[in-house]
Structure formats: structure tokens, C-alpha cells
N, C-alpha and C. Protein backbone atom coordinates (compact mmCIF):
# COMPACT_ATOMS: atom_id res chain seq x y z
N MET A 1 23.71 8.33 19.50
CA MET A 1 22.71 9.07 18.63
C MET A 1 22.28 8.11 17.43
N VAL A 2 20.97 8.12 17.22
CA VAL A 2 20.45 7.28 16.14
C VAL A 2 20.45 8.13 14.81
N GLU A 3 21.22 7.53 13.85
CA GLU A 3 21.28 8.18 12.59
C GLU A 3 20.29 7.66 11.61
N THR A 4 19.01 8.17 11.77
CA THR A 4 17.99 7.67 10.89
C THR A 4 17.03 8.89 10.71
N PHE A 5 16.04 8.76 9.79
CA PHE A 5 15.10 9.77 9.53
C PHE A 5 13.71 9.12 9.90
N LEU A 6 12.99 9.70 10.83
CA LEU A 6 11.72 9.16 11.15
C LEU A 6 10.63 9.83 10.27
N ILE A 7 10.18 9.04 9.36
CA ILE A 7 9.18 9.60 8.38
C ILE A 7 7.86 9.91 9.05
N ASP A 8 7.60 9.30 10.18
CA ASP A 8 6.41 9.57 10.90
C ASP A 8 6.16 10.98 11.38
N THR A 9 7.27 11.71 11.65
CA THR A 9 7.16 13.09 12.20
C THR A 9 6.44 13.95 11.17
N PRO A 10 6.84 13.99 9.86
CA PRO A 10 6.05 14.80 8.91
C PRO A 10 4.68 14.29 8.72
N VAL A 11 4.39 12.96 8.93
CA VAL A 11 3.10 12.44 8.84
C VAL A 11 2.22 13.04 9.92
N MET A 12 2.79 13.16 11.19
CA MET A 12 2.04 13.75 12.24
C MET A 12 1.78 15.22 11.99
N ILE A 13 2.69 15.93 11.44
CA ILE A 13 2.48 17.34 11.04
C ILE A 13 1.32 17.45 10.07
N THR A 14 1.32 16.51 9.08
CA THR A 14 0.21 16.50 8.10
C THR A 14 -1.08 16.27 8.74
N PHE A 15 -1.17 15.30 9.72
CA PHE A 15 -2.39 15.02 10.39
C PHE A 15 -2.92 16.32 11.04
N GLY A 16 -2.05 17.00 11.79
CA GLY A 16 -2.45 18.28 12.39
C GLY A 16 -2.92 19.28 11.32
N LEU A 17 -2.23 19.42 10.22
CA LEU A 17 -2.70 20.30 9.15
C LEU A 17 -4.08 19.94 8.66
N LEU A 18 -4.35 18.63 8.48
CA LEU A 18 -5.70 18.20 7.93
C LEU A 18 -6.83 18.46 8.87
N PHE A 19 -6.58 18.39 10.18
CA PHE A 19 -7.71 18.69 11.09
C PHE A 19 -7.88 20.12 11.43
N ALA A 20 -6.93 20.93 11.19
CA ALA A 20 -6.95 22.36 11.59
C ALA A 20 -8.04 23.15 11.00
N PRO A 21 -8.47 23.03 9.76
CA PRO A 21 -9.51 23.93 9.19
C PRO A 21 -10.92 23.81 9.93
N TYR A 22 -11.05 22.84 10.74
CA TYR A 22 -12.37 22.56 11.35
C TYR A 22 -12.56 23.19 12.72
N VAL A 23 -11.63 24.05 13.08
CA VAL A 23 -11.82 24.82 14.34
C VAL A 23 -12.84 25.90 14.12
N LYS A 24 -13.85 25.92 14.98
CA LYS A 24 -14.89 26.91 14.86
C LYS A 24 -14.41 28.22 15.46
N GLY A 25 -15.06 29.26 15.07
CA GLY A 25 -14.68 30.65 15.47
C GLY A 25 -14.44 30.79 16.95
N ARG A 26 -15.37 30.39 17.78
CA ARG A 26 -15.21 30.59 19.22
C ARG A 26 -14.13 29.70 19.80
N GLU A 27 -13.74 28.67 19.04
CA GLU A 27 -12.65 27.79 19.62
C GLU A 27 -11.20 28.23 19.42
N TRP A 28 -11.10 29.35 18.60
CA TRP A 28 -9.81 29.90 18.30
C TRP A 28 -9.08 30.33 19.50
N GLU A 29 -9.78 30.65 20.62
CA GLU A 29 -9.15 31.08 21.82
C GLU A 29 -8.44 29.95 22.49
N LYS A 30 -8.96 28.74 22.42
CA LYS A 30 -8.41 27.53 23.03
C LYS A 30 -8.48 26.42 22.04
N PRO A 31 -7.64 26.56 20.98
CA PRO A 31 -7.77 25.52 19.87
C PRO A 31 -7.51 24.02 20.27
N CYS A 32 -6.69 23.83 21.29
CA CYS A 32 -6.35 22.53 21.67
C CYS A 32 -7.49 21.86 22.47
N LEU A 33 -8.59 22.60 22.74
CA LEU A 33 -9.77 22.04 23.39
C LEU A 33 -10.91 21.89 22.31
N SER A 34 -10.53 22.23 21.11
CA SER A 34 -11.65 22.19 20.06
C SER A 34 -11.91 20.69 19.71
N MET A 35 -13.13 20.53 19.13
CA MET A 35 -13.49 19.16 18.64
C MET A 35 -12.44 18.76 17.54
N ALA A 36 -12.07 19.61 16.70
CA ALA A 36 -11.13 19.28 15.62
C ALA A 36 -9.88 18.71 16.16
N PHE A 37 -9.33 19.44 17.16
CA PHE A 37 -8.07 19.03 17.78
C PHE A 37 -8.18 17.63 18.43
N ILE A 38 -9.25 17.50 19.19
CA ILE A 38 -9.43 16.22 19.94
C ILE A 38 -9.65 15.04 18.93
N LEU A 39 -10.48 15.22 17.96
CA LEU A 39 -10.67 14.13 17.01
C LEU A 39 -9.32 13.82 16.26
N GLY A 40 -8.61 14.92 15.95
CA GLY A 40 -7.31 14.71 15.25
C GLY A 40 -6.33 13.94 16.21
N LEU A 41 -6.42 14.31 17.47
CA LEU A 41 -5.51 13.67 18.47
C LEU A 41 -5.89 12.14 18.58
N ILE A 42 -7.21 11.90 18.57
CA ILE A 42 -7.62 10.43 18.59
C ILE A 42 -7.11 9.73 17.37
N PHE A 43 -7.24 10.40 16.24
CA PHE A 43 -6.79 9.80 14.98
C PHE A 43 -5.25 9.61 15.05
N ALA A 44 -4.53 10.61 15.48
CA ALA A 44 -3.05 10.49 15.60
C ALA A 44 -2.60 9.32 16.58
N THR A 45 -3.43 9.24 17.62
CA THR A 45 -3.06 8.20 18.59
C THR A 45 -3.35 6.79 18.05
N VAL A 46 -4.33 6.62 17.26
CA VAL A 46 -4.54 5.30 16.59
C VAL A 46 -3.34 5.02 15.70
N PHE A 47 -2.83 6.04 14.99
CA PHE A 47 -1.66 5.84 14.20
C PHE A 47 -0.45 5.51 15.07
N VAL A 48 -0.31 6.17 16.18
CA VAL A 48 0.83 5.90 17.13
C VAL A 48 0.77 4.49 17.66
N ILE A 49 -0.45 3.99 17.94
CA ILE A 49 -0.63 2.60 18.36
C ILE A 49 -0.11 1.65 17.36
N SER A 50 -0.43 1.95 16.02
CA SER A 50 0.13 1.08 15.00
C SER A 50 1.66 1.12 14.94
N VAL A 51 2.25 2.27 15.18
CA VAL A 51 3.67 2.43 15.25
C VAL A 51 4.24 1.60 16.41
N ILE A 52 3.63 1.68 17.56
CA ILE A 52 4.18 0.92 18.71
C ILE A 52 4.17 -0.55 18.44
N ILE A 53 2.95 -0.99 17.88
CA ILE A 53 2.87 -2.46 17.61
C ILE A 53 3.88 -2.87 16.62
N SER A 54 4.07 -2.10 15.56
CA SER A 54 5.08 -2.34 14.49
C SER A 54 6.47 -2.40 15.12
N TYR A 55 6.76 -1.46 16.02
CA TYR A 55 8.04 -1.49 16.68
C TYR A 55 8.26 -2.76 17.47
N LYS A 56 7.22 -3.18 18.24
CA LYS A 56 7.38 -4.40 19.00
C LYS A 56 7.58 -5.62 18.07
N ILE A 57 7.01 -5.66 16.90
CA ILE A 57 7.15 -6.78 16.00
C ILE A 57 8.53 -6.76 15.30
N ALA A 58 8.88 -5.59 14.78
CA ALA A 58 10.15 -5.41 14.02
C ALA A 58 10.85 -4.16 14.30
N PRO A 59 11.59 -4.21 15.46
CA PRO A 59 12.25 -2.89 15.85
C PRO A 59 13.37 -2.46 14.85
N ASP A 60 14.12 -3.43 14.31
CA ASP A 60 15.13 -3.02 13.39
C ASP A 60 14.60 -2.38 12.10
N TRP A 61 13.50 -2.96 11.64
CA TRP A 61 12.86 -2.35 10.51
C TRP A 61 12.29 -0.96 10.74
N MET A 62 11.77 -0.81 11.94
CA MET A 62 11.16 0.54 12.31
C MET A 62 12.16 1.61 12.30
N TRP A 63 13.50 1.22 12.66
CA TRP A 63 14.58 2.23 12.60
C TRP A 63 15.29 2.18 11.28
N MET A 64 14.74 1.45 10.33
CA MET A 64 15.32 1.34 8.93
C MET A 64 16.73 0.82 8.91
N TYR A 65 17.05 -0.04 9.90
CA TYR A 65 18.25 -0.77 9.97
C TYR A 65 19.53 0.08 10.19
N PHE A 66 19.30 1.39 10.44
CA PHE A 66 20.50 2.28 10.70
C PHE A 66 21.20 2.03 11.89
N PRO A 67 20.50 1.92 13.10
CA PRO A 67 21.29 1.74 14.36
C PRO A 67 21.64 0.21 14.50
N ASN A 68 22.73 -0.06 15.23
CA ASN A 68 23.08 -1.44 15.57
C ASN A 68 22.16 -2.03 16.54
N ASP A 69 21.66 -1.17 17.50
CA ASP A 69 20.75 -1.67 18.54
C ASP A 69 19.47 -0.80 18.52
N PRO A 70 18.35 -1.35 18.01
CA PRO A 70 17.17 -0.59 17.87
C PRO A 70 16.33 -0.45 19.20
N SER A 71 16.78 -1.08 20.29
CA SER A 71 15.99 -1.00 21.54
C SER A 71 16.03 0.41 22.13
N ILE A 72 14.89 0.72 22.75
CA ILE A 72 14.80 1.98 23.44
C ILE A 72 14.21 1.78 24.81
N SER A 73 14.54 2.62 25.80
CA SER A 73 13.97 2.49 27.15
C SER A 73 12.61 3.05 27.14
N ILE A 74 11.90 2.82 28.26
CA ILE A 74 10.57 3.39 28.42
C ILE A 74 10.66 4.98 28.36
N LEU A 75 11.63 5.49 29.05
CA LEU A 75 11.80 6.98 29.00
C LEU A 75 12.17 7.47 27.59
N GLY A 76 12.97 6.73 26.93
CA GLY A 76 13.28 7.06 25.54
C GLY A 76 12.08 6.94 24.62
N GLY A 77 11.23 6.01 24.85
CA GLY A 77 9.96 5.83 24.16
C GLY A 77 9.04 7.02 24.40
N ILE A 78 8.92 7.47 25.66
CA ILE A 78 8.07 8.65 25.99
C ILE A 78 8.59 9.85 25.36
N PHE A 79 9.94 10.07 25.39
CA PHE A 79 10.60 11.19 24.76
C PHE A 79 10.26 11.18 23.25
N ILE A 80 10.45 10.06 22.60
CA ILE A 80 10.24 9.97 21.13
C ILE A 80 8.75 10.25 20.79
N LEU A 81 7.87 9.60 21.61
CA LEU A 81 6.49 9.83 21.32
C LEU A 81 6.11 11.35 21.44
N SER A 82 6.67 11.95 22.43
CA SER A 82 6.35 13.30 22.70
C SER A 82 7.00 14.23 21.63
N LEU A 83 8.28 14.16 21.48
CA LEU A 83 9.02 15.01 20.61
C LEU A 83 8.75 14.75 19.11
N LEU A 84 8.68 13.50 18.72
CA LEU A 84 8.57 13.20 17.29
C LEU A 84 7.18 12.83 16.81
N TYR A 85 6.23 12.71 17.70
CA TYR A 85 4.88 12.37 17.32
C TYR A 85 3.86 13.44 17.76
N TYR A 86 3.67 13.56 19.00
CA TYR A 86 2.68 14.46 19.50
C TYR A 86 3.00 15.95 19.40
N PHE A 87 4.12 16.42 19.63
CA PHE A 87 4.48 17.80 19.41
C PHE A 87 4.34 18.17 17.96
N PRO A 88 4.83 17.37 16.96
CA PRO A 88 4.63 17.66 15.59
C PRO A 88 3.08 17.72 15.22
N TYR A 89 2.30 16.87 15.79
CA TYR A 89 0.84 16.96 15.51
C TYR A 89 0.32 18.30 16.03
N ILE A 90 0.68 18.67 17.27
CA ILE A 90 0.23 19.96 17.82
C ILE A 90 0.72 21.12 17.00
N GLY A 91 1.97 21.08 16.56
CA GLY A 91 2.49 22.12 15.78
C GLY A 91 1.86 22.23 14.40
N GLY A 92 1.62 21.05 13.74
CA GLY A 92 0.96 21.01 12.45
C GLY A 92 -0.44 21.54 12.60
N PHE A 93 -1.14 21.24 13.68
CA PHE A 93 -2.54 21.72 13.91
C PHE A 93 -2.53 23.26 13.97
N LEU A 94 -1.70 23.81 14.85
CA LEU A 94 -1.65 25.24 15.05
C LEU A 94 -1.18 25.94 13.79
N TRP A 95 -0.23 25.41 13.10
CA TRP A 95 0.29 25.97 11.85
C TRP A 95 -0.81 25.95 10.86
N GLY A 96 -1.55 24.81 10.76
CA GLY A 96 -2.66 24.69 9.80
C GLY A 96 -3.80 25.70 10.05
N MET A 97 -4.10 25.99 11.29
CA MET A 97 -5.08 26.94 11.60
C MET A 97 -4.69 28.25 10.99
N PHE A 98 -3.40 28.64 11.24
CA PHE A 98 -2.90 29.94 10.79
C PHE A 98 -2.90 30.00 9.21
N LEU A 99 -2.40 28.95 8.59
CA LEU A 99 -2.34 28.93 7.10
C LEU A 99 -3.71 29.00 6.51
N TYR A 100 -4.65 28.18 7.06
CA TYR A 100 -5.99 28.12 6.44
C TYR A 100 -6.72 29.43 6.61
N ALA A 101 -6.51 30.10 7.78
CA ALA A 101 -7.07 31.44 7.98
C ALA A 101 -6.55 32.51 7.07
N ASN A 102 -5.30 32.42 6.66
CA ASN A 102 -4.65 33.41 5.88
C ASN A 102 -4.45 33.15 4.43
N SER A 103 -4.37 31.89 4.05
CA SER A 103 -4.25 31.56 2.62
C SER A 103 -4.53 30.05 2.37
N ILE A 104 -5.68 29.83 1.91
CA ILE A 104 -6.00 28.42 1.55
C ILE A 104 -5.10 27.79 0.60
N LEU A 105 -4.67 28.57 -0.35
CA LEU A 105 -3.63 28.14 -1.33
C LEU A 105 -2.35 27.71 -0.69
N MET A 106 -1.91 28.53 0.19
CA MET A 106 -0.68 28.22 0.93
C MET A 106 -0.86 26.99 1.83
N TYR A 107 -2.03 26.83 2.42
CA TYR A 107 -2.34 25.74 3.31
C TYR A 107 -2.23 24.44 2.48
N TRP A 108 -2.79 24.39 1.26
CA TRP A 108 -2.77 23.15 0.46
C TRP A 108 -1.34 22.96 -0.13
N LEU A 109 -0.59 23.97 -0.48
CA LEU A 109 0.78 23.86 -0.91
C LEU A 109 1.61 23.24 0.14
N VAL A 110 1.44 23.64 1.39
CA VAL A 110 2.20 22.97 2.51
C VAL A 110 1.89 21.48 2.63
N ILE A 111 0.58 21.15 2.54
CA ILE A 111 0.16 19.77 2.62
C ILE A 111 0.82 18.99 1.47
N ILE A 112 0.76 19.55 0.21
CA ILE A 112 1.38 18.83 -0.87
C ILE A 112 2.88 18.70 -0.68
N TYR A 113 3.52 19.76 -0.15
CA TYR A 113 4.96 19.69 0.11
C TYR A 113 5.26 18.51 1.00
N PHE A 114 4.55 18.41 2.17
CA PHE A 114 4.87 17.33 3.13
C PHE A 114 4.60 15.97 2.49
N LEU A 115 3.49 15.85 1.71
CA LEU A 115 3.26 14.61 1.02
C LEU A 115 4.38 14.27 0.02
N ALA A 116 4.82 15.27 -0.68
CA ALA A 116 5.91 15.06 -1.69
C ALA A 116 7.24 14.63 -0.98
N MET A 117 7.53 15.29 0.14
CA MET A 117 8.71 14.90 0.93
C MET A 117 8.61 13.47 1.43
N GLU A 118 7.42 13.06 1.85
CA GLU A 118 7.23 11.67 2.27
C GLU A 118 7.54 10.71 1.13
N GLY A 119 7.05 11.04 -0.08
CA GLY A 119 7.27 10.22 -1.22
C GLY A 119 8.76 10.16 -1.54
N ILE A 120 9.44 11.26 -1.50
CA ILE A 120 10.87 11.32 -1.79
C ILE A 120 11.67 10.40 -0.83
N VAL A 121 11.41 10.63 0.46
CA VAL A 121 12.11 9.78 1.51
C VAL A 121 11.83 8.32 1.29
N ILE A 122 10.58 7.95 1.03
CA ILE A 122 10.24 6.51 0.81
C ILE A 122 10.99 6.11 -0.44
N GLY A 123 11.02 6.86 -1.44
CA GLY A 123 11.80 6.48 -2.65
C GLY A 123 13.25 6.30 -2.44
N LEU A 124 13.88 7.22 -1.66
CA LEU A 124 15.28 7.11 -1.38
C LEU A 124 15.64 5.93 -0.49
N LEU A 125 14.71 5.59 0.41
CA LEU A 125 15.00 4.46 1.34
C LEU A 125 14.08 3.28 1.06
N PHE A 126 13.69 3.17 -0.16
CA PHE A 126 12.63 2.10 -0.48
C PHE A 126 13.11 0.68 -0.02
N LYS A 127 14.33 0.35 -0.32
CA LYS A 127 14.80 -1.03 0.03
C LYS A 127 14.66 -1.25 1.58
N ARG A 128 14.96 -0.15 2.31
CA ARG A 128 14.91 -0.26 3.81
C ARG A 128 13.41 -0.42 4.22
N TYR A 129 12.50 0.21 3.49
CA TYR A 129 11.04 0.09 3.85
C TYR A 129 10.47 -1.23 3.40
N PHE A 130 10.93 -1.71 2.27
CA PHE A 130 10.33 -2.89 1.65
C PHE A 130 10.72 -4.19 2.25
N PHE A 131 11.81 -4.29 2.92
CA PHE A 131 12.25 -5.57 3.51
C PHE A 131 12.29 -5.51 5.03
N VAL A 132 11.62 -6.46 5.65
CA VAL A 132 11.43 -6.46 7.02
C VAL A 132 12.16 -7.66 7.69
N GLY A 133 12.92 -7.37 8.77
CA GLY A 133 13.67 -8.38 9.47
C GLY A 133 14.57 -7.79 10.48
N THR A 134 15.51 -8.56 10.90
CA THR A 134 16.50 -8.01 11.79
C THR A 134 17.55 -7.25 10.96
N ARG A 135 18.42 -6.56 11.61
CA ARG A 135 19.43 -5.83 10.92
C ARG A 135 20.35 -6.84 10.17
N THR A 136 20.66 -7.95 10.90
CA THR A 136 21.54 -8.97 10.25
C THR A 136 20.88 -9.59 9.02
N ASP A 137 19.50 -9.83 9.13
CA ASP A 137 18.77 -10.39 8.01
C ASP A 137 18.80 -9.40 6.82
N PHE A 138 18.57 -8.11 7.13
CA PHE A 138 18.62 -7.12 6.07
C PHE A 138 20.00 -7.01 5.39
N LEU A 139 21.03 -6.90 6.20
CA LEU A 139 22.38 -6.76 5.62
C LEU A 139 22.85 -7.97 4.84
N SER A 140 22.31 -9.13 5.23
CA SER A 140 22.71 -10.37 4.51
C SER A 140 21.72 -10.69 3.34
N GLY A 141 20.68 -9.87 3.15
CA GLY A 141 19.81 -10.06 1.99
C GLY A 141 18.72 -11.12 2.32
N LYS A 142 18.50 -11.42 3.62
CA LYS A 142 17.56 -12.45 3.98
C LYS A 142 16.20 -11.82 4.61
N ALA A 143 16.16 -10.53 4.61
CA ALA A 143 14.88 -9.92 5.14
C ALA A 143 13.76 -10.22 4.24
N VAL A 144 12.52 -10.32 4.78
CA VAL A 144 11.29 -10.66 4.12
C VAL A 144 10.58 -9.47 3.48
N PRO A 145 10.13 -9.57 2.19
CA PRO A 145 9.43 -8.44 1.59
C PRO A 145 8.24 -7.97 2.51
N LEU A 146 8.00 -6.76 2.58
CA LEU A 146 6.93 -6.20 3.45
C LEU A 146 5.60 -6.88 3.32
N PRO A 147 5.08 -7.15 2.09
CA PRO A 147 3.77 -7.82 2.02
C PRO A 147 3.74 -9.14 2.64
N ASN A 148 4.87 -9.84 2.74
CA ASN A 148 4.91 -11.20 3.37
C ASN A 148 5.42 -11.19 4.82
N SER A 149 5.59 -10.00 5.37
CA SER A 149 6.18 -9.92 6.74
C SER A 149 5.12 -10.02 7.81
N SER A 150 5.58 -10.11 9.03
CA SER A 150 4.67 -10.09 10.20
C SER A 150 4.15 -8.70 10.49
N VAL A 151 4.65 -7.71 9.90
CA VAL A 151 4.24 -6.34 10.13
C VAL A 151 3.04 -6.09 9.17
N ALA A 152 2.98 -6.75 8.00
CA ALA A 152 1.96 -6.44 6.96
C ALA A 152 0.53 -6.42 7.51
N PRO A 153 0.14 -7.46 8.29
CA PRO A 153 -1.28 -7.36 8.80
C PRO A 153 -1.53 -6.17 9.61
N VAL A 154 -0.55 -5.74 10.47
CA VAL A 154 -0.78 -4.59 11.28
C VAL A 154 -0.95 -3.35 10.44
N LEU A 155 -0.04 -3.15 9.45
CA LEU A 155 -0.20 -2.05 8.55
C LEU A 155 -1.47 -2.05 7.76
N ASN A 156 -1.87 -3.25 7.28
CA ASN A 156 -3.09 -3.34 6.50
C ASN A 156 -4.27 -2.98 7.34
N TRP A 157 -4.39 -3.63 8.55
CA TRP A 157 -5.67 -3.30 9.36
C TRP A 157 -5.68 -1.91 9.86
N PHE A 158 -4.52 -1.42 10.21
CA PHE A 158 -4.54 0.01 10.72
C PHE A 158 -4.74 0.98 9.60
N SER A 159 -4.22 0.70 8.41
CA SER A 159 -4.43 1.57 7.29
C SER A 159 -5.90 1.66 6.91
N VAL A 160 -6.59 0.56 6.83
CA VAL A 160 -7.98 0.54 6.57
C VAL A 160 -8.76 1.23 7.67
N GLY A 161 -8.44 0.93 8.95
CA GLY A 161 -9.04 1.55 10.09
C GLY A 161 -8.86 3.02 10.13
N LEU A 162 -7.65 3.52 9.81
CA LEU A 162 -7.42 4.97 9.81
C LEU A 162 -8.17 5.68 8.69
N LEU A 163 -8.26 4.97 7.57
CA LEU A 163 -8.99 5.56 6.42
C LEU A 163 -10.50 5.73 6.81
N ILE A 164 -11.09 4.70 7.35
CA ILE A 164 -12.47 4.72 7.82
C ILE A 164 -12.63 5.80 8.92
N LEU A 165 -11.70 5.84 9.91
CA LEU A 165 -11.83 6.80 10.95
C LEU A 165 -11.65 8.22 10.46
N PHE A 166 -10.77 8.45 9.49
CA PHE A 166 -10.64 9.75 8.86
C PHE A 166 -11.91 10.18 8.22
N ILE A 167 -12.51 9.37 7.44
CA ILE A 167 -13.80 9.68 6.78
C ILE A 167 -14.89 10.02 7.77
N ILE A 168 -15.00 9.20 8.86
CA ILE A 168 -16.03 9.48 9.84
C ILE A 168 -15.72 10.78 10.47
N PHE A 169 -14.46 11.07 10.93
CA PHE A 169 -14.15 12.32 11.63
C PHE A 169 -14.38 13.49 10.68
N TRP A 170 -13.94 13.33 9.38
CA TRP A 170 -14.11 14.41 8.44
C TRP A 170 -15.63 14.75 8.34
N TRP A 171 -16.47 13.71 8.23
CA TRP A 171 -17.88 13.97 8.07
C TRP A 171 -18.41 14.67 9.33
N ILE A 172 -18.00 14.27 10.52
CA ILE A 172 -18.46 14.85 11.77
C ILE A 172 -17.99 16.30 11.80
N LEU A 173 -16.76 16.54 11.49
CA LEU A 173 -16.22 17.93 11.59
C LEU A 173 -16.82 18.81 10.55
N ARG A 174 -17.11 18.31 9.39
CA ARG A 174 -17.74 19.20 8.36
C ARG A 174 -19.12 19.60 8.81
N LYS A 175 -19.88 18.61 9.41
CA LYS A 175 -21.23 18.90 9.90
C LYS A 175 -21.13 19.89 11.09
N TYR A 176 -20.14 19.67 11.94
CA TYR A 176 -19.96 20.49 13.07
C TYR A 176 -19.61 21.99 12.66
N LYS A 177 -18.71 22.06 11.69
CA LYS A 177 -18.27 23.42 11.26
C LYS A 177 -19.43 24.11 10.49
N ARG A 178 -20.30 23.37 9.79
CA ARG A 178 -21.39 23.97 9.12
C ARG A 178 -22.42 24.46 10.10
N SER A 179 -22.50 23.89 11.27
CA SER A 179 -23.52 24.32 12.27
C SER A 179 -23.15 25.71 12.79
N GLU A 180 -21.88 26.08 12.68
CA GLU A 180 -21.45 27.44 13.05
C GLU A 180 -22.04 28.45 12.08
N THR A 181 -21.99 28.16 10.78
CA THR A 181 -22.45 29.15 9.77
C THR A 181 -24.03 29.18 9.78
N SER A 182 -24.66 27.98 9.95
CA SER A 182 -26.13 27.98 9.96
C SER A 182 -26.65 28.63 11.26
N GLY A 183 -25.94 28.51 12.36
CA GLY A 183 -26.30 29.16 13.60
C GLY A 183 -26.20 30.70 13.48
N ALA A 184 -25.19 31.20 12.72
CA ALA A 184 -24.93 32.59 12.63
C ALA A 184 -26.00 33.24 11.76
N GLU A 185 -26.59 32.43 10.81
CA GLU A 185 -27.59 32.98 9.89
C GLU A 185 -28.94 33.07 10.54
N SER A 186 -29.14 32.36 11.60
CA SER A 186 -30.50 32.32 12.31
C SER A 186 -30.74 33.59 12.96
């Protein structure tokens, strides 16, 4: 058993929550076929690609140096991607639909909660996040600071790309959702 905390799972829930309000009325019957869900899934998949690349570059760091052996099998990878990435996205999306429909205040409080928990976990494990290397390098104090590491370009490029992608998708979904209300008024 791996004794670590995967911070990406709450991130995936948050992604689902953020895309959920853009489900149109008629899409509520099959929300996982909605434009909001699909664009959110594309966004989440771009994030997952950055995770996979980061794992290939620095597996010990991706597991925060907790396990002695950070390698995982293909089946283990599929299990992890399903259980800790895509299922949380789906759950966050469906939960976000429910919250947004019933209480916008509660919806935003849940998002703030998840962001705060992310901040707390990063704060508690900051040294493990900030230094990249092998487990031996980390334990001996020879790991490289994150900004100077081989993972930094991946994180930088994907962070900028995800921000741009989120803005584009947000704009598309706002326009798409507005077309529902303007169509109803006609």
C-alpha cells in the first residue's frame, strides 16, 4: 500500500465542480453527454497528461517520496487514473450540478473548501513539493528545487495552457448557456 496523499484527486473534483453550472436544462437528463461535461473532461485530460509526463520525469517526486518504490504497472496506472482522477471529476461534476441548482452559496463554499484543503496539504508537505529528485536525493538533501528541476518546464507550459484552455472553455460555455435563455425568450 502506498502511504501518500494524492493532491490531484481534490483538484479533479474541483474541475468537475467548475464545469457543472454550464449544463443546459435539457442536458440534465444525460449530463455526461453535455457540452459542459465534455469540455471539462477535455480540460481534465490535459491536466492528466501533465501528470503522466511529470510521473515519467520524476516518479519519486510525484509520490512525494513516501513509497520506497514509486513504479506502477500499466494496470495500476489505469486503476489510479480511473479511481483517483476520472471518477472524482465525474463525481465533482454531478455534485456541482446538484449544488449549483440548489444553493449557489453552498456551491461556492464547497469550491473554496477544496481550494483551502489544497493549500493546507501543500503547506504541510511543502518540502516534498518543492524539491524534485529521487527518493535517495530527497532524503540526503540533494534534491533540486522545483523551479530548477526537469519537471518545471512541464508544469509551466501545462499551467499556462490549462489557464488559456479554461478561459476559452469558460467563454464557450457561457455563450452556450446564454443561448438557452435567449432561445426561451423568443
